[in-house]
Amino acid sequence: MSERRSALADRRAREFEAFVTGAAGRLLHAATLLTAETPDANPRAQRLLTAALAQTYVEWDRLRGEDPYNRTRQELATRFARVSWRRQRTDGGVLAQLTPQERLVVVLRLYEQVAEEQTAALMGLPVERVRTVCRRSVAALCATRRSRPSGGPLRTAGGGPAQGSSEPGP
């Protein structure tokens, strides 16, 4: 019986490792945007992602039929929402001017392209509130972009143009 358990544990570890290999980069980018850190200095984002991945690993056997990426993203957003009210300081990332709630809505809606209804359910907000927060946040980011003296495009933490930007990337 222990051989069977060992084989199952090995398979579980390989499946999870394959998932992390494929999804960790995008999830770390989302976490970096949420924490408003810069891509080259993002220890809070890394801790946030590690905790979310650890929880996904704990639940791995119960995820059959559920997308592990969506589950990890949900855990990432939930963990961010839980700790963000205690920590307002940001390190100058592209979304640093936004409140934690605004960053969460922008990242889920524009970067992760989660539907308004799903975002609202995840955050426990009405759909109209999510829509309003997203609109207001994008307007604030656009106003900041217009007021920047360089006139260059607003970039995400990964260096590409911000979602919704009509300007080409590098």
Protein backbone atom coordinates (compact mmCIF):
# COMPACT_ATOMS: atom_id res chain seq x y z
CA MET A 1 0.00 0.00 0.00
CA SER A 2 2.86 2.42 0.72
CA GLU A 3 4.18 1.96 -2.85
CA ARG A 4 0.83 3.14 -4.18
CA ARG A 5 0.85 6.19 -1.89
CA SER A 6 4.38 6.97 -2.90
CA ALA A 7 3.46 6.76 -6.59
CA LEU A 8 0.46 9.03 -6.03
CA ALA A 9 2.59 11.54 -4.12
CA ASP A 10 5.19 11.53 -6.90
CA ARG A 11 2.53 12.07 -9.55
CA ARG A 12 0.96 14.88 -7.49
CA ALA A 13 4.35 16.57 -7.11
CA ARG A 14 5.09 16.29 -10.86
CA GLU A 15 1.67 17.69 -11.80
CA PHE A 16 2.04 20.60 -9.40
CA GLU A 17 5.59 21.30 -10.57
CA ALA A 18 4.41 21.38 -14.19
CA PHE A 19 1.62 23.78 -13.23
CA VAL A 20 4.03 26.10 -11.38
CA THR A 21 6.49 26.01 -14.29
CA GLY A 22 3.77 27.15 -16.68
CA ALA A 23 1.90 29.64 -14.50
CA ALA A 24 4.34 31.15 -12.00
CA GLY A 25 5.63 33.89 -14.31
CA ARG A 26 2.22 35.33 -15.06
CA LEU A 27 1.07 34.94 -11.46
CA LEU A 28 4.21 36.67 -10.18
CA HIS A 29 3.59 39.53 -12.61
CA ALA A 30 0.02 39.85 -11.31
CA ALA A 31 1.28 39.79 -7.71
CA THR A 32 3.89 42.45 -8.56
CA LEU A 33 1.18 44.67 -10.02
CA LEU A 34 -0.98 44.14 -6.94
CA THR A 35 1.79 45.05 -4.51
CA ALA A 36 2.85 47.99 -6.72
CA GLU A 37 6.47 46.91 -6.50
CA THR A 38 8.97 47.10 -9.30
CA PRO A 39 9.69 43.87 -11.21
CA ASP A 40 13.33 43.78 -10.10
CA ALA A 41 12.52 44.34 -6.40
CA ASN A 42 9.32 42.53 -5.47
CA PRO A 43 9.77 40.59 -2.22
CA ARG A 44 6.17 41.16 -1.07
CA ALA A 45 4.85 39.88 -4.40
CA GLN A 46 7.07 36.81 -4.14
CA ARG A 47 5.85 36.08 -0.60
CA LEU A 48 2.24 36.59 -1.71
CA LEU A 49 2.67 34.19 -4.63
CA THR A 50 4.49 31.61 -2.51
CA ALA A 51 1.65 31.59 0.03
CA ALA A 52 -0.98 31.31 -2.73
CA LEU A 53 0.89 28.44 -4.40
CA ALA A 54 1.32 26.68 -1.07
CA GLN A 55 -2.44 26.81 -0.50
CA THR A 56 -3.06 25.52 -4.02
CA TYR A 57 -0.70 22.62 -3.33
CA VAL A 58 -2.59 21.78 -0.14
CA GLU A 59 -5.84 21.68 -2.15
CA TRP A 60 -4.32 20.05 -5.25
CA ASP A 61 -6.07 16.68 -4.89
CA ARG A 62 -9.45 18.38 -4.43
CA LEU A 63 -9.06 20.51 -7.58
CA ARG A 64 -10.03 17.78 -10.02
CA GLY A 65 -12.13 19.47 -12.68
CA GLU A 66 -11.26 22.96 -11.43
CA ASP A 67 -8.65 25.12 -13.14
CA PRO A 68 -5.65 25.38 -10.79
CA TYR A 69 -4.67 28.73 -12.34
CA ASN A 70 -8.04 30.26 -11.46
CA ARG A 71 -7.86 28.78 -7.96
CA THR A 72 -4.35 30.18 -7.39
CA ARG A 73 -5.36 33.57 -8.78
CA GLN A 74 -8.34 33.61 -6.43
CA GLU A 75 -6.09 32.73 -3.49
CA LEU A 76 -3.62 35.44 -4.55
CA ALA A 77 -6.38 38.05 -4.71
CA THR A 78 -7.88 36.95 -1.40
CA ARG A 79 -4.54 37.04 0.38
CA PHE A 80 -3.75 40.45 -1.09
CA ALA A 81 -7.12 41.83 -0.02
CA ARG A 82 -6.66 40.47 3.52
CA VAL A 83 -3.24 42.04 4.11
CA SER A 84 -3.46 45.17 1.96
CA TRP A 85 -5.59 47.16 4.40
CA ARG A 86 -2.70 47.00 6.89
CA ARG A 87 -0.03 48.03 4.42
CA GLN A 88 -0.56 51.05 2.18
CA ARG A 89 3.12 51.73 1.39
CA THR A 90 4.17 50.92 -2.16
CA ASP A 91 7.53 50.91 -3.87
CA GLY A 92 6.78 52.91 -7.00
CA GLY A 93 5.34 50.33 -9.38
CA VAL A 94 3.11 51.47 -12.23
CA LEU A 95 -0.04 51.08 -10.12
CA ALA A 96 1.43 52.63 -6.95
CA GLN A 97 -0.91 55.63 -7.04
CA LEU A 98 -3.99 53.39 -6.74
CA THR A 99 -5.47 52.09 -3.50
CA PRO A 100 -5.19 48.34 -2.85
CA GLN A 101 -8.83 47.82 -3.86
CA GLU A 102 -8.32 49.75 -7.09
CA ARG A 103 -5.15 47.76 -7.88
CA LEU A 104 -6.99 44.50 -7.25
CA VAL A 105 -9.83 45.48 -9.59
CA VAL A 106 -7.46 46.72 -12.32
CA VAL A 107 -5.26 43.63 -12.16
CA LEU A 108 -8.19 41.21 -12.17
CA ARG A 109 -10.19 43.01 -14.84
CA LEU A 110 -7.51 44.32 -17.21
CA TYR A 111 -4.43 42.16 -16.69
CA GLU A 112 -6.09 38.84 -15.86
CA GLN A 113 -9.25 39.63 -17.90
CA VAL A 114 -11.60 38.24 -15.25
CA ALA A 115 -15.26 39.07 -15.96
CA GLU A 116 -16.89 41.83 -13.90
CA GLU A 117 -19.28 39.33 -12.33
CA GLN A 118 -16.45 37.03 -11.23
CA THR A 119 -14.41 39.95 -9.92
CA ALA A 120 -17.41 41.23 -7.98
CA ALA A 121 -18.09 37.80 -6.49
CA LEU A 122 -14.44 37.32 -5.56
CA MET A 123 -14.26 40.72 -3.86
CA GLY A 124 -17.75 40.63 -2.34
CA LEU A 125 -18.80 43.80 -4.15
CA PRO A 126 -21.72 44.66 -6.43
CA VAL A 127 -20.92 44.46 -10.15
CA GLU A 128 -21.63 48.19 -10.59
CA ARG A 129 -19.08 49.01 -7.87
CA VAL A 130 -16.42 46.96 -9.66
CA ARG A 131 -17.26 48.73 -12.92
CA THR A 132 -17.02 52.15 -11.24
CA VAL A 133 -13.74 51.38 -9.47
CA CYS A 134 -12.23 50.10 -12.72
CA ARG A 135 -13.34 53.15 -14.70
CA ARG A 136 -12.10 55.57 -12.05
CA SER A 137 -8.75 53.77 -11.73
CA VAL A 138 -8.11 53.72 -15.46
CA ALA A 139 -9.01 57.42 -15.65
CA ALA A 140 -6.53 58.19 -12.85
CA LEU A 141 -3.80 56.20 -14.61
CA CYS A 142 -4.52 57.97 -17.90
CA ALA A 143 -4.44 61.38 -16.19
CA THR A 144 -1.06 60.52 -14.68
CA ARG A 145 0.22 59.44 -18.07
CA ARG A 146 -0.91 62.70 -19.68
CA SER A 147 0.76 64.75 -16.96
CA ARG A 148 4.11 62.96 -17.24
CA PRO A 149 6.69 65.21 -18.86
CA SER A 150 8.29 62.44 -20.93
CA GLY A 151 5.04 61.75 -22.74
CA GLY A 152 6.11 58.10 -23.08
CA PRO A 153 3.65 55.27 -22.80
CA LEU A 154 2.58 53.99 -19.42
CA ARG A 155 4.27 50.63 -18.85
CA THR A 156 3.22 47.67 -16.76
CA ALA A 157 5.61 46.07 -14.30
CA GLY A 158 6.70 43.69 -17.07
CA GLY A 159 7.75 46.55 -19.33
CA GLY A 160 4.94 46.26 -21.88
CA PRO A 161 2.28 48.89 -22.56
CA ALA A 162 -0.54 49.07 -20.06
CA GLN A 163 -3.77 47.30 -20.94
CA GLY A 164 -6.01 49.53 -22.97
CA SER A 165 -3.06 51.54 -24.25
CA SER A 166 -3.15 52.10 -27.98
CA GLU A 167 0.58 52.71 -28.09
CA PRO A 168 2.82 49.93 -29.35
CA GLY A 169 5.24 48.21 -26.99
CA PRO A 170 9.01 48.30 -27.29
